[in-house]
C-alpha atoms as a PDB file:
ATOM      1  CA  UNK A   1      57.587 -47.038 -27.367  1.00  0.00           C
ATOM      2  CA  UNK A   2      59.711 -45.022 -24.974  1.00  0.00           C
ATOM      3  CA  UNK A   3      58.793 -45.030 -21.314  1.00  0.00           C
ATOM      4  CA  UNK A   4      60.305 -42.778 -18.690  1.00  0.00           C
ATOM      5  CA  UNK A   5      60.083 -44.388 -15.270  1.00  0.00           C
ATOM      6  CA  UNK A   6      60.163 -41.893 -12.415  1.00  0.00           C
ATOM      7  CA  UNK A   7      60.438 -42.821  -8.750  1.00  0.00           C
ATOM      8  CA  UNK A   8      58.234 -40.606  -6.589  1.00  0.00           C
ATOM      9  CA  UNK A   9      57.434 -40.426  -2.913  1.00  0.00           C
ATOM     10  CA  UNK A  10      54.017 -41.473  -1.655  1.00  0.00           C
ATOM     11  CA  UNK A  11      53.098 -37.831  -1.038  1.00  0.00           C
ATOM     12  CA  UNK A  12      54.104 -36.852  -4.605  1.00  0.00           C
ATOM     13  CA  UNK A  13      52.009 -39.738  -5.939  1.00  0.00           C
ATOM     14  CA  UNK A  14      48.978 -38.487  -4.008  1.00  0.00           C
ATOM     15  CA  UNK A  15      49.578 -34.928  -5.272  1.00  0.00           C
ATOM     16  CA  UNK A  16      49.681 -36.191  -8.865  1.00  0.00           C
ATOM     17  CA  UNK A  17      46.430 -38.104  -8.390  1.00  0.00           C
ATOM     18  CA  UNK A  18      44.789 -35.059  -6.842  1.00  0.00           C
ATOM     19  CA  UNK A  19      46.070 -32.676  -9.549  1.00  0.00           C
ATOM     20  CA  UNK A  20      45.061 -34.816 -12.562  1.00  0.00           C
ATOM     21  CA  UNK A  21      41.541 -36.139 -12.134  1.00  0.00           C
ATOM     22  CA  UNK A  22      41.008 -36.945 -15.818  1.00  0.00           C
ATOM     23  CA  UNK A  23      41.024 -40.754 -16.311  1.00  0.00           C
ATOM     24  CA  UNK A  24      41.977 -40.356 -19.958  1.00  0.00           C
ATOM     25  CA  UNK A  25      45.235 -38.673 -18.872  1.00  0.00           C
ATOM     26  CA  UNK A  26      46.174 -40.466 -15.639  1.00  0.00           C
ATOM     27  CA  UNK A  27      45.963 -44.263 -15.530  1.00  0.00           C
ATOM     28  CA  UNK A  28      46.332 -46.143 -12.248  1.00  0.00           C
ATOM     29  CA  UNK A  29      47.911 -49.562 -12.782  1.00  0.00           C
ATOM     30  CA  UNK A  30      46.897 -52.682 -10.826  1.00  0.00           C
ATOM     31  CA  UNK A  31      50.083 -52.462  -8.752  1.00  0.00           C
ATOM     32  CA  UNK A  32      49.456 -48.785  -7.894  1.00  0.00           C
ATOM     33  CA  UNK A  33      51.814 -47.208 -10.421  1.00  0.00           C
ATOM     34  CA  UNK A  34      50.598 -44.121 -12.252  1.00  0.00           C
ATOM     35  CA  UNK A  35      50.951 -43.897 -16.026  1.00  0.00           C
ATOM     36  CA  UNK A  36      50.546 -40.812 -18.200  1.00  0.00           C
ATOM     37  CA  UNK A  37      50.553 -40.791 -21.993  1.00  0.00           C
ATOM     38  CA  UNK A  38      52.544 -37.713 -22.997  1.00  0.00           C
ATOM     39  CA  UNK A  39      50.285 -36.745 -25.920  1.00  0.00           C
ATOM     40  CA  UNK A  40      47.146 -36.708 -23.764  1.00  0.00           C
ATOM     41  CA  UNK A  41      49.006 -34.879 -20.999  1.00  0.00           C
ATOM     42  CA  UNK A  42      50.117 -32.161 -23.429  1.00  0.00           C
ATOM     43  CA  UNK A  43      46.497 -31.680 -24.529  1.00  0.00           C
ATOM     44  CA  UNK A  44      45.413 -31.623 -20.881  1.00  0.00           C
ATOM     45  CA  UNK A  45      47.983 -28.886 -20.150  1.00  0.00           C
ATOM     46  CA  UNK A  46      46.720 -26.762 -23.037  1.00  0.00           C
ATOM     47  CA  UNK A  47      43.091 -27.231 -22.042  1.00  0.00           C
ATOM     48  CA  UNK A  48      43.569 -26.620 -18.304  1.00  0.00           C
ATOM     49  CA  UNK A  49      46.332 -24.019 -18.716  1.00  0.00           C
ATOM     50  CA  UNK A  50      48.270 -25.672 -15.912  1.00  0.00           C
ATOM     51  CA  UNK A  51      51.376 -27.843 -15.601  1.00  0.00           C
ATOM     52  CA  UNK A  52      50.684 -30.138 -12.640  1.00  0.00           C
ATOM     53  CA  UNK A  53      53.489 -32.658 -13.210  1.00  0.00           C
ATOM     54  CA  UNK A  54      56.103 -29.962 -13.695  1.00  0.00           C
ATOM     55  CA  UNK A  55      54.834 -28.126 -10.604  1.00  0.00           C
ATOM     56  CA  UNK A  56      55.087 -31.280  -8.462  1.00  0.00           C
ATOM     57  CA  UNK A  57      58.279 -32.814  -9.882  1.00  0.00           C
ATOM     58  CA  UNK A  58      60.211 -29.825 -11.236  1.00  0.00           C
ATOM     59  CA  UNK A  59      60.805 -28.608 -14.769  1.00  0.00           C
ATOM     60  CA  UNK A  60      63.708 -30.943 -15.581  1.00  0.00           C
ATOM     61  CA  UNK A  61      62.141 -34.206 -14.339  1.00  0.00           C
ATOM     62  CA  UNK A  62      60.217 -35.038 -17.523  1.00  0.00           C
ATOM     63  CA  UNK A  63      61.831 -36.121 -20.771  1.00  0.00           C
ATOM     64  CA  UNK A  64      60.337 -34.499 -23.887  1.00  0.00           C
ATOM     65  CA  UNK A  65      61.221 -37.635 -25.893  1.00  0.00           C
ATOM     66  CA  UNK A  66      59.159 -40.075 -23.803  1.00  0.00           C
ATOM     67  CA  UNK A  67      55.804 -41.411 -24.975  1.00  0.00           C
ATOM     68  CA  UNK A  68      54.730 -42.430 -21.463  1.00  0.00           C
ATOM     69  CA  UNK A  69      55.639 -41.375 -17.936  1.00  0.00           C
ATOM     70  CA  UNK A  70      55.308 -44.065 -15.271  1.00  0.00           C
ATOM     71  CA  UNK A  71      55.421 -43.005 -11.631  1.00  0.00           C
ATOM     72  CA  UNK A  72      56.103 -45.533  -8.892  1.00  0.00           C
ATOM     73  CA  UNK A  73      56.934 -45.402  -5.191  1.00  0.00           C
END
């Protein structure tokens, strides 16, 4: 399993939580980290016709080879 860990600011973390309200896509860990399974996120993007993570973090921030993105402050 490949995990891409991405350090984000507190404001970016809040923006991500506000942008992705689907609990099947965005998982909040016990320590406050945010986890996203790439497959479910890709389906979410197709369904919603939006790219919230790319809009918040930039186009080059996400690795296409990762299975999970983990965001922490």
